[in-house]
Amino acid sequence: MINNIIAIVVISFIIVGSLWGIGNLMNPQKDNKINSEGILLFAENNFFNKTNPTLYINSNFPQKITIANEDFVRHDFIIDELNINTGYLYSTQHFTTAIASREAGIFEYYCSLHPSTMRGKLIIS
């Protein structure tokens, strides 16, 4: 009786694994490339681009910015003074927006979930 149960479990694993493999061959995962125009920030290991770089943009000229979560935990990207908030980005999600301002200034960006390690400056000149 136990041998029959073991055989059924093994055969089930073989069938499910085969169907999964065939499904992946027939429907490969889509390539989710991110357009690299503009500023690209990767959220990973509780940093943006490993160093939380200072971002520079010109006033009166919209600048495209993409935030990509390459981490296993969720992150967001917020600039309070410019009303930018990506909402929570889960693993492999990304968010693209444009930043435009008529006024020069220094603004702080941060992740609300990891504010002590994920913060930097945006300088509009």
PDB file of N, CA and C in Angstrom:
ATOM      1  N   MET A   1       0.815  -1.192   0.000  1.00  0.00           N
ATOM      2  CA  MET A   1       0.000   0.000   0.000  1.00  0.00           C
ATOM      3  C   MET A   1       0.861   1.258   0.000  1.00  0.00           C
ATOM      4  N   ILE A   2       1.885   1.322   0.872  1.00  0.00           N
ATOM      5  CA  ILE A   2       2.762   2.488   0.931  1.00  0.00           C
ATOM      6  C   ILE A   2       3.526   2.644  -0.385  1.00  0.00           C
ATOM      7  N   ASN A   3       3.949   1.542  -0.987  1.00  0.00           N
ATOM      8  CA  ASN A   3       4.662   1.613  -2.270  1.00  0.00           C
ATOM      9  C   ASN A   3       3.775   2.216  -3.353  1.00  0.00           C
ATOM     10  N   ASN A   4       2.499   1.903  -3.342  1.00  0.00           N
ATOM     11  CA  ASN A   4       1.567   2.469  -4.315  1.00  0.00           C
ATOM     12  C   ASN A   4       1.428   3.975  -4.129  1.00  0.00           C
ATOM     13  N   ILE A   5       1.351   4.440  -2.892  1.00  0.00           N
ATOM     14  CA  ILE A   5       1.234   5.879  -2.609  1.00  0.00           C
ATOM     15  C   ILE A   5       2.492   6.603  -3.052  1.00  0.00           C
ATOM     16  N   ILE A   6       3.649   6.015  -2.768  1.00  0.00           N
ATOM     17  CA  ILE A   6       4.916   6.634  -3.180  1.00  0.00           C
ATOM     18  C   ILE A   6       4.982   6.709  -4.697  1.00  0.00           C
ATOM     19  N   ALA A   7       4.579   5.666  -5.382  1.00  0.00           N
ATOM     20  CA  ALA A   7       4.592   5.643  -6.842  1.00  0.00           C
ATOM     21  C   ALA A   7       3.666   6.711  -7.412  1.00  0.00           C
ATOM     22  N   ILE A   8       2.497   6.873  -6.816  1.00  0.00           N
ATOM     23  CA  ILE A   8       1.549   7.889  -7.288  1.00  0.00           C
ATOM     24  C   ILE A   8       2.123   9.294  -7.091  1.00  0.00           C
ATOM     25  N   VAL A   9       2.753   9.548  -5.950  1.00  0.00           N
ATOM     26  CA  VAL A   9       3.355  10.858  -5.688  1.00  0.00           C
ATOM     27  C   VAL A   9       4.481  11.132  -6.679  1.00  0.00           C
ATOM     28  N   VAL A  10       5.338  10.168  -6.925  1.00  0.00           N
ATOM     29  CA  VAL A  10       6.464  10.343  -7.858  1.00  0.00           C
ATOM     30  C   VAL A  10       5.944  10.603  -9.267  1.00  0.00           C
ATOM     31  N   ILE A  11       4.966   9.831  -9.705  1.00  0.00           N
ATOM     32  CA  ILE A  11       4.407  10.029 -11.046  1.00  0.00           C
ATOM     33  C   ILE A  11       3.749  11.405 -11.144  1.00  0.00           C
ATOM     34  N   SER A  12       3.073  11.843 -10.088  1.00  0.00           N
ATOM     35  CA  SER A  12       2.456  13.171 -10.089  1.00  0.00           C
ATOM     36  C   SER A  12       3.498  14.268 -10.245  1.00  0.00           C
ATOM     37  N   PHE A  13       4.621  14.149  -9.523  1.00  0.00           N
ATOM     38  CA  PHE A  13       5.692  15.138  -9.649  1.00  0.00           C
ATOM     39  C   PHE A  13       6.262  15.147 -11.057  1.00  0.00           C
ATOM     40  N   ILE A  14       6.428  14.006 -11.650  1.00  0.00           N
ATOM     41  CA  ILE A  14       6.971  13.922 -13.011  1.00  0.00           C
ATOM     42  C   ILE A  14       6.012  14.581 -14.001  1.00  0.00           C
ATOM     43  N   ILE A  15       4.724  14.313 -13.878  1.00  0.00           N
ATOM     44  CA  ILE A  15       3.742  14.888 -14.796  1.00  0.00           C
ATOM     45  C   ILE A  15       3.665  16.399 -14.631  1.00  0.00           C
ATOM     46  N   VAL A  16       3.567  16.869 -13.387  1.00  0.00           N
ATOM     47  CA  VAL A  16       3.475  18.319 -13.150  1.00  0.00           C
ATOM     48  C   VAL A  16       4.742  19.018 -13.635  1.00  0.00           C
ATOM     49  N   GLY A  17       5.911  18.453 -13.352  1.00  0.00           N
ATOM     50  CA  GLY A  17       7.168  19.047 -13.808  1.00  0.00           C
ATOM     51  C   GLY A  17       7.256  19.098 -15.320  1.00  0.00           C
ATOM     52  N   SER A  18       6.804  18.042 -15.982  1.00  0.00           N
ATOM     53  CA  SER A  18       6.819  18.010 -17.446  1.00  0.00           C
ATOM     54  C   SER A  18       5.886  19.069 -18.020  1.00  0.00           C
ATOM     55  N   LEU A  19       4.693  19.181 -17.464  1.00  0.00           N
ATOM     56  CA  LEU A  19       3.755  20.198 -17.946  1.00  0.00           C
ATOM     57  C   LEU A  19       4.295  21.601 -17.723  1.00  0.00           C
ATOM     58  N   TRP A  20       4.930  21.832 -16.578  1.00  0.00           N
ATOM     59  CA  TRP A  20       5.509  23.142 -16.297  1.00  0.00           C
ATOM     60  C   TRP A  20       6.608  23.457 -17.316  1.00  0.00           C
ATOM     61  N   GLY A  21       7.475  22.494 -17.583  1.00  0.00           N
ATOM     62  CA  GLY A  21       8.557  22.704 -18.549  1.00  0.00           C
ATOM     63  C   GLY A  21       8.038  22.969 -19.942  1.00  0.00           C
ATOM     64  N   ILE A  22       7.046  22.210 -20.379  1.00  0.00           N
ATOM     65  CA  ILE A  22       6.457  22.411 -21.707  1.00  0.00           C
ATOM     66  C   ILE A  22       5.783  23.780 -21.774  1.00  0.00           C
ATOM     67  N   GLY A  23       5.096  24.155 -20.710  1.00  0.00           N
ATOM     68  CA  GLY A  23       4.449  25.471 -20.675  1.00  0.00           C
ATOM     69  C   GLY A  23       5.453  26.604 -20.804  1.00  0.00           C
ATOM     70  N   ASN A  24       6.595  26.481 -20.164  1.00  0.00           N
ATOM     71  CA  ASN A  24       7.627  27.518 -20.261  1.00  0.00           C
ATOM     72  C   ASN A  24       8.261  27.559 -21.642  1.00  0.00           C
ATOM     73  N   LEU A  25       8.368  26.429 -22.298  1.00  0.00           N
ATOM     74  CA  LEU A  25       8.919  26.404 -23.657  1.00  0.00           C
ATOM     75  C   LEU A  25       7.950  27.039 -24.654  1.00  0.00           C
ATOM     76  N   MET A  26       6.673  26.776 -24.463  1.00  0.00           N
ATOM     77  CA  MET A  26       5.679  27.297 -25.403  1.00  0.00           C
ATOM     78  C   MET A  26       5.327  28.758 -25.131  1.00  0.00           C
ATOM     79  N   ASN A  27       5.443  29.188 -23.896  1.00  0.00           N
ATOM     80  CA  ASN A  27       5.138  30.567 -23.508  1.00  0.00           C
ATOM     81  C   ASN A  27       6.303  31.145 -22.720  1.00  0.00           C
ATOM     82  N   PRO A  28       7.402  31.501 -23.399  1.00  0.00           N
ATOM     83  CA  PRO A  28       8.545  32.028 -22.652  1.00  0.00           C
ATOM     84  C   PRO A  28       8.196  33.337 -21.969  1.00  0.00           C
ATOM     85  N   GLN A  29       8.915  33.625 -20.878  1.00  0.00           N
ATOM     86  CA  GLN A  29       8.666  34.858 -20.150  1.00  0.00           C
ATOM     87  C   GLN A  29       9.006  36.042 -21.028  1.00  0.00           C
ATOM     88  N   LYS A  30       8.190  37.068 -20.894  1.00  0.00           N
ATOM     89  CA  LYS A  30       8.415  38.276 -21.675  1.00  0.00           C
ATOM     90  C   LYS A  30       9.639  39.005 -21.151  1.00  0.00           C
ATOM     91  N   ASP A  31      10.382  39.585 -22.053  1.00  0.00           N
ATOM     92  CA  ASP A  31      11.541  40.372 -21.667  1.00  0.00           C
ATOM     93  C   ASP A  31      11.054  41.726 -21.192  1.00  0.00           C
ATOM     94  N   ASN A  32      11.224  42.003 -19.923  1.00  0.00           N
ATOM     95  CA  ASN A  32      10.702  43.214 -19.308  1.00  0.00           C
ATOM     96  C   ASN A  32      11.807  44.268 -19.216  1.00  0.00           C
ATOM     97  N   LYS A  33      12.358  44.654 -20.366  1.00  0.00           N
ATOM     98  CA  LYS A  33      13.434  45.636 -20.375  1.00  0.00           C
ATOM     99  C   LYS A  33      12.887  47.019 -20.074  1.00  0.00           C
ATOM    100  N   ILE A  34      13.689  47.779 -19.404  1.00  0.00           N
ATOM    101  CA  ILE A  34      13.319  49.139 -19.037  1.00  0.00           C
ATOM    102  C   ILE A  34      14.020  50.085 -19.998  1.00  0.00           C
ATOM    103  N   ASN A  35      13.270  51.000 -20.564  1.00  0.00           N
ATOM    104  CA  ASN A  35      13.852  51.995 -21.453  1.00  0.00           C
ATOM    105  C   ASN A  35      14.831  52.849 -20.644  1.00  0.00           C
ATOM    106  N   SER A  36      16.055  52.951 -21.103  1.00  0.00           N
ATOM    107  CA  SER A  36      17.091  53.613 -20.315  1.00  0.00           C
ATOM    108  C   SER A  36      17.206  55.112 -20.579  1.00  0.00           C
ATOM    109  N   GLU A  37      16.262  55.704 -21.309  1.00  0.00           N
ATOM    110  CA  GLU A  37      16.315  57.147 -21.512  1.00  0.00           C
ATOM    111  C   GLU A  37      16.028  57.853 -20.192  1.00  0.00           C
ATOM    112  N   GLY A  38      16.727  58.925 -19.938  1.00  0.00           N
ATOM    113  CA  GLY A  38      16.495  59.678 -18.711  1.00  0.00           C
ATOM    114  C   GLY A  38      17.280  59.091 -17.544  1.00  0.00           C
ATOM    115  N   ILE A  39      16.774  59.321 -16.345  1.00  0.00           N
ATOM    116  CA  ILE A  39      17.415  58.855 -15.116  1.00  0.00           C
ATOM    117  C   ILE A  39      16.853  57.495 -14.753  1.00  0.00           C
ATOM    118  N   LEU A  40      17.732  56.568 -14.414  1.00  0.00           N
ATOM    119  CA  LEU A  40      17.312  55.229 -14.023  1.00  0.00           C
ATOM    120  C   LEU A  40      17.877  54.922 -12.646  1.00  0.00           C
ATOM    121  N   LEU A  41      16.974  54.663 -11.684  1.00  0.00           N
ATOM    122  CA  LEU A  41      17.380  54.320 -10.326  1.00  0.00           C
ATOM    123  C   LEU A  41      16.953  52.892 -10.026  1.00  0.00           C
ATOM    124  N   PHE A  42      17.884  52.092  -9.541  1.00  0.00           N
ATOM    125  CA  PHE A  42      17.584  50.728  -9.118  1.00  0.00           C
ATOM    126  C   PHE A  42      17.519  50.699  -7.600  1.00  0.00           C
ATOM    127  N   ALA A  43      16.417  50.217  -7.053  1.00  0.00           N
ATOM    128  CA  ALA A  43      16.283  50.033  -5.611  1.00  0.00           C
ATOM    129  C   ALA A  43      16.734  48.610  -5.303  1.00  0.00           C
ATOM    130  N   GLU A  44      17.852  48.508  -4.577  1.00  0.00           N
ATOM    131  CA  GLU A  44      18.397  47.189  -4.270  1.00  0.00           C
ATOM    132  C   GLU A  44      19.284  47.285  -3.036  1.00  0.00           C
ATOM    133  N   ASN A  45      19.162  46.298  -2.157  1.00  0.00           N
ATOM    134  CA  ASN A  45      19.958  46.249  -0.916  1.00  0.00           C
ATOM    135  C   ASN A  45      19.802  47.517  -0.086  1.00  0.00           C
ATOM    136  N   ASN A  46      18.593  48.060  -0.076  1.00  0.00           N
ATOM    137  CA  ASN A  46      18.251  49.260   0.694  1.00  0.00           C
ATOM    138  C   ASN A  46      19.052  50.495   0.304  1.00  0.00           C
ATOM    139  N   PHE A  47      19.362  50.598  -0.991  1.00  0.00           N
ATOM    140  CA  PHE A  47      19.979  51.797  -1.560  1.00  0.00           C
ATOM    141  C   PHE A  47      19.391  52.030  -2.940  1.00  0.00           C
ATOM    142  N   PHE A  48      19.510  53.251  -3.420  1.00  0.00           N
ATOM    143  CA  PHE A  48      19.231  53.552  -4.817  1.00  0.00           C
ATOM    144  C   PHE A  48      20.577  53.583  -5.538  1.00  0.00           C
ATOM    145  N   ASN A  49      20.746  52.750  -6.527  1.00  0.00           N
ATOM    146  CA  ASN A  49      21.991  52.664  -7.311  1.00  0.00           C
ATOM    147  C   ASN A  49      23.228  52.520  -6.437  1.00  0.00           C
ATOM    148  N   LYS A  50      23.136  51.796  -5.366  1.00  0.00           N
ATOM    149  CA  LYS A  50      24.220  51.466  -4.434  1.00  0.00           C
ATOM    150  C   LYS A  50      24.769  52.656  -3.651  1.00  0.00           C
ATOM    151  N   THR A  51      24.514  53.896  -4.115  1.00  0.00           N
ATOM    152  CA  THR A  51      25.120  55.056  -3.463  1.00  0.00           C
ATOM    153  C   THR A  51      24.140  56.191  -3.169  1.00  0.00           C
ATOM    154  N   ASN A  52      22.862  56.029  -3.512  1.00  0.00           N
ATOM    155  CA  ASN A  52      21.892  57.123  -3.396  1.00  0.00           C
ATOM    156  C   ASN A  52      22.430  58.389  -4.064  1.00  0.00           C
ATOM    157  N   PRO A  53      22.612  58.342  -5.387  1.00  0.00           N
ATOM    158  CA  PRO A  53      23.291  59.455  -6.071  1.00  0.00           C
ATOM    159  C   PRO A  53      22.492  60.755  -6.023  1.00  0.00           C
ATOM    160  N   THR A  54      23.215  61.856  -6.132  1.00  0.00           N
ATOM    161  CA  THR A  54      22.573  63.154  -6.301  1.00  0.00           C
ATOM    162  C   THR A  54      22.126  63.244  -7.750  1.00  0.00           C
ATOM    163  N   LEU A  55      20.867  63.596  -7.962  1.00  0.00           N
ATOM    164  CA  LEU A  55      20.292  63.686  -9.299  1.00  0.00           C
ATOM    165  C   LEU A  55      20.250  65.140  -9.732  1.00  0.00           C
ATOM    166  N   TYR A  56      20.612  65.411 -10.975  1.00  0.00           N
ATOM    167  CA  TYR A  56      20.637  66.779 -11.500  1.00  0.00           C
ATOM    168  C   TYR A  56      19.710  66.874 -12.702  1.00  0.00           C
ATOM    169  N   ILE A  57      18.808  67.864 -12.670  1.00  0.00           N
ATOM    170  CA  ILE A  57      17.974  68.135 -13.835  1.00  0.00           C
ATOM    171  C   ILE A  57      17.879  69.641 -14.026  1.00  0.00           C
ATOM    172  N   ASN A  58      17.502  70.037 -15.238  1.00  0.00           N
ATOM    173  CA  ASN A  58      17.357  71.455 -15.555  1.00  0.00           C
ATOM    174  C   ASN A  58      15.914  71.893 -15.347  1.00  0.00           C
ATOM    175  N   SER A  59      15.746  73.120 -14.853  1.00  0.00           N
ATOM    176  CA  SER A  59      14.386  73.639 -14.686  1.00  0.00           C
ATOM    177  C   SER A  59      13.776  73.887 -16.064  1.00  0.00           C
ATOM    178  N   ASN A  60      12.458  73.882 -16.118  1.00  0.00           N
ATOM    179  CA  ASN A  60      11.688  74.107 -17.344  1.00  0.00           C
ATOM    180  C   ASN A  60      11.951  73.076 -18.429  1.00  0.00           C
ATOM    181  N   PHE A  61      12.522  71.944 -18.057  1.00  0.00           N
ATOM    182  CA  PHE A  61      12.766  70.878 -19.024  1.00  0.00           C
ATOM    183  C   PHE A  61      12.407  69.549 -18.366  1.00  0.00           C
ATOM    184  N   PRO A  62      11.315  68.922 -18.771  1.00  0.00           N
ATOM    185  CA  PRO A  62      10.911  67.661 -18.126  1.00  0.00           C
ATOM    186  C   PRO A  62      11.990  66.580 -18.276  1.00  0.00           C
ATOM    187  N   GLN A  63      12.273  65.912 -17.204  1.00  0.00           N
ATOM    188  CA  GLN A  63      13.269  64.836 -17.201  1.00  0.00           C
ATOM    189  C   GLN A  63      12.582  63.531 -16.820  1.00  0.00           C
ATOM    190  N   LYS A  64      12.711  62.543 -17.674  1.00  0.00           N
ATOM    191  CA  LYS A  64      12.128  61.232 -17.393  1.00  0.00           C
ATOM    192  C   LYS A  64      12.952  60.536 -16.324  1.00  0.00           C
ATOM    193  N   ILE A  65      12.251  59.909 -15.372  1.00  0.00           N
ATOM    194  CA  ILE A  65      12.931  59.157 -14.323  1.00  0.00           C
ATOM    195  C   ILE A  65      12.203  57.830 -14.131  1.00  0.00           C
ATOM    196  N   THR A  66      12.974  56.755 -14.045  1.00  0.00           N
ATOM    197  CA  THR A  66      12.422  55.420 -13.828  1.00  0.00           C
ATOM    198  C   THR A  66      13.031  54.841 -12.571  1.00  0.00           C
ATOM    199  N   ILE A  67      12.179  54.311 -11.699  1.00  0.00           N
ATOM    200  CA  ILE A  67      12.630  53.634 -10.486  1.00  0.00           C
ATOM    201  C   ILE A  67      12.275  52.161 -10.657  1.00  0.00           C
ATOM    202  N   ALA A  68      13.271  51.290 -10.557  1.00  0.00           N
ATOM    203  CA  ALA A  68      13.071  49.854 -10.737  1.00  0.00           C
ATOM    204  C   ALA A  68      13.437  49.131  -9.453  1.00  0.00           C
ATOM    205  N   ASN A  69      12.535  48.310  -8.953  1.00  0.00           N
ATOM    206  CA  ASN A  69      12.821  47.544  -7.746  1.00  0.00           C
ATOM    207  C   ASN A  69      13.473  46.226  -8.141  1.00  0.00           C
ATOM    208  N   GLU A  70      14.741  46.101  -7.859  1.00  0.00           N
ATOM    209  CA  GLU A  70      15.509  44.892  -8.159  1.00  0.00           C
ATOM    210  C   GLU A  70      15.771  44.099  -6.882  1.00  0.00           C
ATOM    211  N   ASP A  71      14.986  44.346  -5.865  1.00  0.00           N
ATOM    212  CA  ASP A  71      15.176  43.741  -4.555  1.00  0.00           C
ATOM    213  C   ASP A  71      14.056  42.740  -4.283  1.00  0.00           C
ATOM    214  N   PHE A  72      14.200  41.976  -3.223  1.00  0.00           N
ATOM    215  CA  PHE A  72      13.172  41.021  -2.836  1.00  0.00           C
ATOM    216  C   PHE A  72      12.131  41.637  -1.897  1.00  0.00           C
ATOM    217  N   VAL A  73      12.389  42.844  -1.430  1.00  0.00           N
ATOM    218  CA  VAL A  73      11.449  43.544  -0.559  1.00  0.00           C
ATOM    219  C   VAL A  73      10.895  44.745  -1.318  1.00  0.00           C
ATOM    220  N   ARG A  74       9.782  45.282  -0.840  1.00  0.00           N
ATOM    221  CA  ARG A  74       9.178  46.412  -1.530  1.00  0.00           C
ATOM    222  C   ARG A  74       9.874  47.715  -1.165  1.00  0.00           C
ATOM    223  N   HIS A  75       9.800  48.652  -2.091  1.00  0.00           N
ATOM    224  CA  HIS A  75      10.373  49.986  -1.920  1.00  0.00           C
ATOM    225  C   HIS A  75       9.408  50.987  -2.540  1.00  0.00           C
ATOM    226  N   ASP A  76       9.621  52.252  -2.248  1.00  0.00           N
ATOM    227  CA  ASP A  76       8.931  53.325  -2.951  1.00  0.00           C
ATOM    228  C   ASP A  76       9.917  54.463  -3.163  1.00  0.00           C
ATOM    229  N   PHE A  77       9.493  55.480  -3.869  1.00  0.00           N
ATOM    230  CA  PHE A  77      10.327  56.639  -4.172  1.00  0.00           C
ATOM    231  C   PHE A  77       9.452  57.859  -3.984  1.00  0.00           C
ATOM    232  N   ILE A  78       9.883  58.748  -3.088  1.00  0.00           N
ATOM    233  CA  ILE A  78       9.054  59.897  -2.730  1.00  0.00           C
ATOM    234  C   ILE A  78       9.889  61.175  -2.769  1.00  0.00           C
ATOM    235  N   ILE A  79       9.308  62.215  -3.358  1.00  0.00           N
ATOM    236  CA  ILE A  79       9.828  63.585  -3.243  1.00  0.00           C
ATOM    237  C   ILE A  79       8.629  64.420  -2.809  1.00  0.00           C
ATOM    238  N   ASP A  80       8.562  64.722  -1.531  1.00  0.00           N
ATOM    239  CA  ASP A  80       7.387  65.396  -0.967  1.00  0.00           C
ATOM    240  C   ASP A  80       7.103  66.737  -1.637  1.00  0.00           C
ATOM    241  N   GLU A  81       8.123  67.576  -1.775  1.00  0.00           N
ATOM    242  CA  GLU A  81       7.928  68.931  -2.285  1.00  0.00           C
ATOM    243  C   GLU A  81       7.430  68.959  -3.729  1.00  0.00           C
ATOM    244  N   LEU A  82       7.680  67.898  -4.493  1.00  0.00           N
ATOM    245  CA  LEU A  82       7.247  67.834  -5.891  1.00  0.00           C
ATOM    246  C   LEU A  82       6.039  66.917  -6.082  1.00  0.00           C
ATOM    247  N   ASN A  83       5.481  66.437  -4.970  1.00  0.00           N
ATOM    248  CA  ASN A  83       4.313  65.542  -5.002  1.00  0.00           C
ATOM    249  C   ASN A  83       4.551  64.295  -5.859  1.00  0.00           C
ATOM    250  N   ILE A  84       5.719  63.707  -5.705  1.00  0.00           N
ATOM    251  CA  ILE A  84       6.027  62.457  -6.412  1.00  0.00           C
ATOM    252  C   ILE A  84       6.025  61.334  -5.389  1.00  0.00           C
ATOM    253  N   ASN A  85       5.238  60.307  -5.679  1.00  0.00           N
ATOM    254  CA  ASN A  85       5.163  59.133  -4.816  1.00  0.00           C
ATOM    255  C   ASN A  85       4.808  57.944  -5.701  1.00  0.00           C
ATOM    256  N   THR A  86       5.723  56.996  -5.809  1.00  0.00           N
ATOM    257  CA  THR A  86       5.498  55.848  -6.682  1.00  0.00           C
ATOM    258  C   THR A  86       4.508  54.854  -6.101  1.00  0.00           C
ATOM    259  N   GLY A  87       4.227  54.950  -4.818  1.00  0.00           N
ATOM    260  CA  GLY A  87       3.505  53.865  -4.169  1.00  0.00           C
ATOM    261  C   GLY A  87       4.477  52.709  -4.007  1.00  0.00           C
ATOM    262  N   TYR A  88       4.030  51.632  -3.397  1.00  0.00           N
ATOM    263  CA  TYR A  88       4.926  50.503  -3.158  1.00  0.00           C
ATOM    264  C   TYR A  88       5.236  49.787  -4.464  1.00  0.00           C
ATOM    265  N   LEU A  89       6.515  49.565  -4.700  1.00  0.00           N
ATOM    266  CA  LEU A  89       6.970  48.785  -5.847  1.00  0.00           C
ATOM    267  C   LEU A  89       7.467  47.445  -5.320  1.00  0.00           C
ATOM    268  N   TYR A  90       6.862  46.393  -5.796  1.00  0.00           N
ATOM    269  CA  TYR A  90       7.271  45.052  -5.387  1.00  0.00           C
ATOM    270  C   TYR A  90       8.395  44.567  -6.293  1.00  0.00           C
ATOM    271  N   SER A  91       8.999  43.472  -5.954  1.00  0.00           N
ATOM    272  CA  SER A  91      10.132  42.921  -6.698  1.00  0.00           C
ATOM    273  C   SER A  91       9.825  42.876  -8.196  1.00  0.00           C
ATOM    274  N   THR A  92      10.739  43.364  -8.996  1.00  0.00           N
ATOM    275  CA  THR A  92      10.728  43.440 -10.471  1.00  0.00           C
ATOM    276  C   THR A  92       9.759  44.484 -11.025  1.00  0.00           C
ATOM    277  N   GLN A  93       9.047  45.228 -10.192  1.00  0.00           N
ATOM    278  CA  GLN A  93       8.188  46.295 -10.704  1.00  0.00           C
ATOM    279  C   GLN A  93       9.004  47.554 -10.936  1.00  0.00           C
ATOM    280  N   HIS A  94       8.537  48.389 -11.856  1.00  0.00           N
ATOM    281  CA  HIS A  94       9.183  49.680 -12.052  1.00  0.00           C
ATOM    282  C   HIS A  94       8.121  50.748 -12.287  1.00  0.00           C
ATOM    283  N   PHE A  95       8.530  51.992 -12.114  1.00  0.00           N
ATOM    284  CA  PHE A  95       7.640  53.138 -12.220  1.00  0.00           C
ATOM    285  C   PHE A  95       8.372  54.220 -12.987  1.00  0.00           C
ATOM    286  N   THR A  96       7.698  54.810 -13.959  1.00  0.00           N
ATOM    287  CA  THR A  96       8.305  55.867 -14.759  1.00  0.00           C
ATOM    288  C   THR A  96       7.436  57.116 -14.667  1.00  0.00           C
ATOM    289  N   THR A  97       8.088  58.247 -14.496  1.00  0.00           N
ATOM    290  CA  THR A  97       7.390  59.528 -14.458  1.00  0.00           C
ATOM    291  C   THR A  97       8.323  60.587 -15.049  1.00  0.00           C
ATOM    292  N   ALA A  98       7.870  61.795 -15.085  1.00  0.00           N
ATOM    293  CA  ALA A  98       8.702  62.912 -15.517  1.00  0.00           C
ATOM    294  C   ALA A  98       8.712  63.946 -14.399  1.00  0.00           C
ATOM    295  N   ILE A  99       9.857  64.538 -14.207  1.00  0.00           N
ATOM    296  CA  ILE A  99      10.001  65.600 -13.216  1.00  0.00           C
ATOM    297  C   ILE A  99      10.180  66.899 -13.981  1.00  0.00           C
ATOM    298  N   ALA A 100       9.350  67.862 -13.650  1.00  0.00           N
ATOM    299  CA  ALA A 100       9.450  69.173 -14.279  1.00  0.00           C
ATOM    300  C   ALA A 100       9.169  70.228 -13.221  1.00  0.00           C
ATOM    301  N   SER A 101       9.998  71.245 -13.198  1.00  0.00           N
ATOM    302  CA  SER A 101       9.807  72.320 -12.239  1.00  0.00           C
ATOM    303  C   SER A 101      10.260  73.626 -12.864  1.00  0.00           C
ATOM    304  N   ARG A 102       9.522  74.665 -12.580  1.00  0.00           N
ATOM    305  CA  ARG A 102       9.913  75.991 -13.075  1.00  0.00           C
ATOM    306  C   ARG A 102      10.940  76.640 -12.162  1.00  0.00           C
ATOM    307  N   GLU A 103      11.023  76.137 -10.936  1.00  0.00           N
ATOM    308  CA  GLU A 103      11.893  76.760  -9.951  1.00  0.00           C
ATOM    309  C   GLU A 103      13.064  75.854  -9.604  1.00  0.00           C
ATOM    310  N   ALA A 104      14.206  76.478  -9.457  1.00  0.00           N
ATOM    311  CA  ALA A 104      15.400  75.745  -9.040  1.00  0.00           C
ATOM    312  C   ALA A 104      15.298  75.435  -7.549  1.00  0.00           C
ATOM    313  N   GLY A 105      16.017  74.410  -7.136  1.00  0.00           N
ATOM    314  CA  GLY A 105      16.013  74.076  -5.719  1.00  0.00           C
ATOM    315  C   GLY A 105      16.648  72.730  -5.466  1.00  0.00           C
ATOM    316  N   ILE A 106      16.793  72.430  -4.201  1.00  0.00           N
ATOM    317  CA  ILE A 106      17.334  71.138  -3.772  1.00  0.00           C
ATOM    318  C   ILE A 106      16.210  70.414  -3.044  1.00  0.00           C
ATOM    319  N   PHE A 107      15.929  69.221  -3.504  1.00  0.00           N
ATOM    320  CA  PHE A 107      14.831  68.437  -2.964  1.00  0.00           C
ATOM    321  C   PHE A 107      15.362  67.084  -2.502  1.00  0.00           C
ATOM    322  N   GLU A 108      14.745  66.554  -1.469  1.00  0.00           N
ATOM    323  CA  GLU A 108      15.166  65.262  -0.946  1.00  0.00           C
ATOM    324  C   GLU A 108      14.256  64.169  -1.490  1.00  0.00           C
ATOM    325  N   TYR A 109      14.874  63.072  -1.963  1.00  0.00           N
ATOM    326  CA  TYR A 109      14.097  61.888  -2.311  1.00  0.00           C
ATOM    327  C   TYR A 109      14.428  60.794  -1.314  1.00  0.00           C
ATOM    328  N   TYR A 110      13.482  59.876  -1.107  1.00  0.00           N
ATOM    329  CA  TYR A 110      13.695  58.819  -0.125  1.00  0.00           C
ATOM    330  C   TYR A 110      12.711  57.678  -0.354  1.00  0.00           C
ATOM    331  N   CYS A 111      12.990  56.563   0.303  1.00  0.00           N
ATOM    332  CA  CYS A 111      12.076  55.428   0.372  1.00  0.00           C
ATOM    333  C   CYS A 111      11.450  55.465   1.762  1.00  0.00           C
ATOM    334  N   SER A 112      10.130  55.512   1.846  1.00  0.00           N
ATOM    335  CA  SER A 112       9.476  55.631   3.148  1.00  0.00           C
ATOM    336  C   SER A 112       9.627  54.369   3.997  1.00  0.00           C
ATOM    337  N   LEU A 113       9.932  53.247   3.376  1.00  0.00           N
ATOM    338  CA  LEU A 113      10.102  51.999   4.111  1.00  0.00           C
ATOM    339  C   LEU A 113      11.515  51.835   4.666  1.00  0.00           C
ATOM    340  N   HIS A 114      12.477  52.535   4.078  1.00  0.00           N
ATOM    341  CA  HIS A 114      13.881  52.442   4.512  1.00  0.00           C
ATOM    342  C   HIS A 114      14.515  53.846   4.497  1.00  0.00           C
ATOM    343  N   PRO A 115      13.934  54.795   5.234  1.00  0.00           N
ATOM    344  CA  PRO A 115      14.388  56.180   5.133  1.00  0.00           C
ATOM    345  C   PRO A 115      15.790  56.451   5.668  1.00  0.00           C
ATOM    346  N   SER A 116      16.282  55.589   6.534  1.00  0.00           N
ATOM    347  CA  SER A 116      17.623  55.845   7.082  1.00  0.00           C
ATOM    348  C   SER A 116      18.724  55.497   6.081  1.00  0.00           C
ATOM    349  N   THR A 117      18.460  54.612   5.129  1.00  0.00           N
ATOM    350  CA  THR A 117      19.507  54.210   4.184  1.00  0.00           C
ATOM    351  C   THR A 117      19.189  54.588   2.735  1.00  0.00           C
ATOM    352  N   MET A 118      17.933  54.848   2.424  1.00  0.00           N
ATOM    353  CA  MET A 118      17.558  55.141   1.039  1.00  0.00           C
ATOM    354  C   MET A 118      17.074  56.580   0.935  1.00  0.00           C
ATOM    355  N   ARG A 119      18.022  57.478   0.804  1.00  0.00           N
ATOM    356  CA  ARG A 119      17.682  58.890   0.622  1.00  0.00           C
ATOM    357  C   ARG A 119      18.814  59.591  -0.115  1.00  0.00           C
ATOM    358  N   GLY A 120      18.420  60.584  -0.881  1.00  0.00           N
ATOM    359  CA  GLY A 120      19.399  61.349  -1.657  1.00  0.00           C
ATOM    360  C   GLY A 120      18.823  62.709  -2.011  1.00  0.00           C
ATOM    361  N   LYS A 121      19.527  63.418  -2.891  1.00  0.00           N
ATOM    362  CA  LYS A 121      19.122  64.768  -3.270  1.00  0.00           C
ATOM    363  C   LYS A 121      18.855  64.868  -4.759  1.00  0.00           C
ATOM    364  N   LEU A 122      17.870  65.692  -5.086  1.00  0.00           N
ATOM    365  CA  LEU A 122      17.572  66.054  -6.450  1.00  0.00           C
ATOM    366  C   LEU A 122      17.824  67.551  -6.562  1.00  0.00           C
ATOM    367  N   ILE A 123      18.705  67.942  -7.475  1.00  0.00           N
ATOM    368  CA  ILE A 123      19.038  69.356  -7.642  1.00  0.00           C
ATOM    369  C   ILE A 123      18.495  69.811  -8.982  1.00  0.00           C
ATOM    370  N   ILE A 124      17.624  70.811  -8.928  1.00  0.00           N
ATOM    371  CA  ILE A 124      17.070  71.410 -10.133  1.00  0.00           C
ATOM    372  C   ILE A 124      17.732  72.772 -10.299  1.00  0.00           C
ATOM    373  N   SER A 125      18.400  72.968 -11.429  1.00  0.00           N
ATOM    374  CA  SER A 125      19.119  74.235 -11.653  1.00  0.00           C
ATOM    375  C   SER A 125      18.631  74.934 -12.898  1.00  0.00           C
TER     376      SER A 125
END
